[in-house]
Amino acid sequence: MKKIVLLLSITFFYSCSSILVYSDFDREVNFSDYKTFAYFKPEIDKVDISDLDKRRILKALDTQMSLKGLSKSETPDLLIGFSTNAKQKIYVNTWNNFGWGWGWGFNPWFWGGGGPGFNNTLSTQTEGTLYINIIDATTKQLVWQGKGKGGLNENYKKRDERIAFFVQEIVEKYPPAVE
């Protein structure tokens, strides 16, 4: 029983740390032409998150875009914006302890109470989605979009790392590998 609880706990915490990432892009665009970027302030201003989290996302984007060989510019090739979405998820876990409990016919000493039954645990987690939008500065057309979805934690000590990890996982898909 302890092994099952340990396995389920590891699975739960692993699922909290993982991020599902998707991306889409315009197949007509040559992404190697882009060398510079700036932020698309009108889109970022609309995002309903704290200014602290906005700065965390922007800092992580600065880091990731520079790793991709792009630099900030007053006359950019690309404009980068982002948006977010969050919702509360409720998880109900039911455990059948049939055969594990105490009671008549389940143990040789015939003492204790309970017998077979079910245990329920309830947990909640905030699932967040971060969209990163990359727009051609000349045509004002969306050319790439990345989406990351995963668990969020209100633990502020780890918030910087978690947001940086979200951005890193999403931007890893940029530029797209064209087949």
Protein backbone atom coordinates (compact mmCIF):
# COMPACT_ATOMS: atom_id res chain seq x y z
CA MET A 1 0.00 0.00 0.00
CA LYS A 2 2.85 2.38 0.86
CA LYS A 3 4.41 1.72 -2.54
CA ILE A 4 1.15 2.59 -4.29
CA VAL A 5 0.81 5.85 -2.35
CA LEU A 6 4.45 6.73 -3.11
CA LEU A 7 4.01 5.96 -6.81
CA LEU A 8 0.84 8.05 -7.07
CA SER A 9 2.48 10.93 -5.18
CA ILE A 10 5.47 10.90 -7.52
CA THR A 11 3.15 10.79 -10.53
CA PHE A 12 1.11 13.72 -9.16
CA PHE A 13 4.16 15.89 -8.47
CA TYR A 14 5.73 14.98 -11.81
CA SER A 15 2.52 15.97 -13.61
CA CYS A 16 2.52 19.28 -11.74
CA SER A 17 5.99 20.10 -13.00
CA SER A 18 5.47 19.11 -16.61
CA ILE A 19 4.25 21.53 -19.23
CA LEU A 20 2.38 20.62 -22.38
CA VAL A 21 3.69 22.72 -25.25
CA TYR A 22 2.16 23.36 -28.66
CA SER A 23 3.16 25.68 -31.44
CA ASP A 24 1.83 26.82 -34.78
CA PHE A 25 3.39 28.95 -37.49
CA ASP A 26 3.01 30.41 -40.96
CA ARG A 27 4.71 27.97 -43.35
CA GLU A 28 5.26 30.73 -45.91
CA VAL A 29 7.63 32.66 -43.62
CA ASN A 30 11.42 32.37 -43.70
CA PHE A 31 12.28 32.65 -40.01
CA SER A 32 16.02 32.99 -40.71
CA ASP A 33 15.30 36.54 -41.99
CA TYR A 34 14.41 37.70 -38.48
CA LYS A 35 17.26 39.10 -36.39
CA THR A 36 15.71 41.64 -34.01
CA PHE A 37 12.66 41.96 -31.78
CA ALA A 38 10.74 44.30 -29.52
CA TYR A 39 7.74 43.77 -27.29
CA PHE A 40 4.20 44.41 -28.48
CA LYS A 41 3.14 46.64 -25.62
CA PRO A 42 -0.59 46.96 -26.51
CA GLU A 43 -1.05 43.19 -26.19
CA ILE A 44 1.06 42.88 -23.02
CA ASP A 45 -0.81 45.76 -21.33
CA LYS A 46 -4.09 43.82 -21.70
CA VAL A 47 -2.80 40.77 -19.81
CA ASP A 48 -4.57 40.45 -16.46
CA ILE A 49 -1.66 39.34 -14.26
CA SER A 50 0.51 41.19 -11.77
CA ASP A 51 3.21 43.53 -13.01
CA LEU A 52 5.71 41.30 -11.19
CA ASP A 53 4.69 38.29 -13.27
CA LYS A 54 4.75 40.37 -16.46
CA ARG A 55 8.33 41.39 -15.67
CA ARG A 56 9.23 37.75 -14.96
CA ILE A 57 7.87 36.70 -18.35
CA LEU A 58 9.63 39.56 -20.16
CA LYS A 59 12.94 38.76 -18.43
CA ALA A 60 12.63 35.10 -19.41
CA LEU A 61 11.76 36.08 -22.99
CA ASP A 62 14.82 38.36 -23.14
CA THR A 63 17.01 35.45 -22.10
CA GLN A 64 15.44 32.91 -24.46
CA MET A 65 15.36 35.19 -27.49
CA SER A 66 19.02 36.14 -27.04
CA LEU A 67 19.85 32.43 -26.87
CA LYS A 68 18.09 32.12 -30.24
CA GLY A 69 20.38 34.81 -31.68
CA LEU A 70 17.83 37.63 -31.68
CA SER A 71 18.54 41.02 -30.17
CA LYS A 72 16.29 43.83 -28.96
CA SER A 73 15.91 46.79 -31.29
CA GLU A 74 14.04 50.06 -31.71
CA THR A 75 13.37 49.01 -35.32
CA PRO A 76 12.55 45.31 -34.87
CA ASP A 77 11.85 42.56 -37.37
CA LEU A 78 9.51 40.90 -34.88
CA LEU A 79 7.06 42.03 -32.23
CA ILE A 80 6.51 39.71 -29.28
CA GLY A 81 3.38 39.67 -27.19
CA PHE A 82 1.84 37.23 -24.77
CA SER A 83 -1.41 36.40 -23.05
CA THR A 84 -2.38 34.15 -20.18
CA ASN A 85 -5.28 32.09 -18.94
CA ALA A 86 -5.73 30.26 -15.63
CA LYS A 87 -8.36 27.96 -14.20
CA GLN A 88 -8.79 25.98 -11.03
CA LYS A 89 -8.76 22.19 -11.50
CA ILE A 90 -10.28 19.86 -8.91
CA TYR A 91 -8.98 16.31 -8.63
CA VAL A 92 -10.86 13.55 -6.81
CA ASN A 93 -8.87 10.41 -6.12
CA THR A 94 -10.73 7.33 -4.94
CA TRP A 95 -8.78 4.49 -3.42
CA ASN A 96 -10.35 1.10 -2.94
CA ASN A 97 -8.76 -0.54 0.07
CA PHE A 98 -10.67 -3.79 -0.44
CA GLY A 99 -8.66 -6.54 1.13
CA TRP A 100 -6.31 -4.12 2.86
CA GLY A 101 -8.54 -3.21 5.81
CA TRP A 102 -9.18 -4.95 9.07
CA GLY A 103 -12.32 -6.96 9.71
CA TRP A 104 -13.92 -10.38 9.62
CA GLY A 105 -12.34 -12.63 7.03
CA PHE A 106 -9.53 -10.21 6.20
CA ASN A 107 -7.11 -10.90 9.01
CA PRO A 108 -6.42 -13.95 11.10
CA TRP A 109 -6.94 -12.18 14.44
CA PHE A 110 -10.52 -11.01 13.66
CA TRP A 111 -10.13 -7.71 15.40
CA GLY A 112 -10.14 -4.12 14.26
CA GLY A 113 -12.77 -2.31 12.31
CA GLY A 114 -13.45 -1.11 8.88
CA GLY A 115 -13.26 -3.96 6.43
CA PRO A 116 -13.26 -3.14 2.76
CA GLY A 117 -14.05 0.41 1.74
CA PHE A 118 -13.11 3.46 -0.23
CA ASN A 119 -10.97 6.44 0.66
CA ASN A 120 -11.38 9.71 -1.20
CA THR A 121 -8.92 12.55 -1.42
CA LEU A 122 -9.66 15.93 -2.91
CA SER A 123 -7.02 18.30 -4.25
CA THR A 124 -7.03 21.47 -6.30
CA GLN A 125 -4.44 22.99 -8.57
CA THR A 126 -4.32 26.05 -10.74
CA GLU A 127 -3.63 25.21 -14.37
CA GLY A 128 -2.17 28.07 -16.32
CA THR A 129 -1.74 28.66 -20.03
CA LEU A 130 0.81 31.05 -21.49
CA TYR A 131 0.55 32.06 -25.14
CA ILE A 132 3.57 33.67 -26.77
CA ASN A 133 2.74 35.49 -30.01
CA ILE A 134 5.40 36.48 -32.53
CA ILE A 135 4.31 39.03 -35.10
CA ASP A 136 6.09 40.22 -38.23
CA ALA A 137 6.76 43.91 -37.52
CA THR A 138 6.36 44.94 -41.17
CA THR A 139 3.15 43.09 -42.09
CA LYS A 140 1.68 43.04 -38.55
CA GLN A 141 0.73 39.39 -39.16
CA LEU A 142 1.07 36.64 -36.57
CA VAL A 143 3.84 34.34 -37.85
CA TRP A 144 4.37 32.03 -34.83
CA GLN A 145 2.47 31.16 -31.69
CA GLY A 146 3.58 29.00 -28.81
CA LYS A 147 1.33 27.72 -26.07
CA GLY A 148 2.38 26.17 -22.78
CA LYS A 149 -0.07 24.62 -20.33
CA GLY A 150 0.83 23.36 -16.87
CA GLY A 151 0.37 23.58 -13.14
CA LEU A 152 1.02 26.80 -11.27
CA ASN A 153 2.00 27.21 -7.67
CA GLU A 154 1.54 30.28 -5.52
CA ASN A 155 4.87 29.55 -3.81
CA TYR A 156 6.67 32.82 -4.53
CA LYS A 157 10.14 31.41 -3.80
CA LYS A 158 9.85 29.21 -6.89
CA ARG A 159 7.74 31.56 -9.02
CA ASP A 160 10.68 33.05 -10.95
CA GLU A 161 11.98 29.59 -11.84
CA ARG A 162 8.55 28.26 -12.80
CA ILE A 163 7.78 31.18 -15.12
CA ALA A 164 11.26 30.97 -16.67
CA PHE A 165 10.71 27.23 -17.21
CA PHE A 166 7.32 27.88 -18.89
CA VAL A 167 8.88 30.41 -21.27
CA GLN A 168 11.91 28.21 -21.98
CA GLU A 169 9.76 25.20 -22.86
CA ILE A 170 7.56 27.25 -25.20
CA VAL A 171 10.34 29.19 -26.95
CA GLU A 172 12.27 25.95 -27.45
CA LYS A 173 9.88 25.37 -30.38
CA TYR A 174 11.02 28.61 -32.07
CA PRO A 175 12.07 28.88 -34.84
CA PRO A 176 10.02 26.04 -36.22
CA ALA A 177 11.71 23.17 -37.97
CA VAL A 178 10.35 23.29 -41.49
CA GLU A 179 10.12 19.90 -43.18
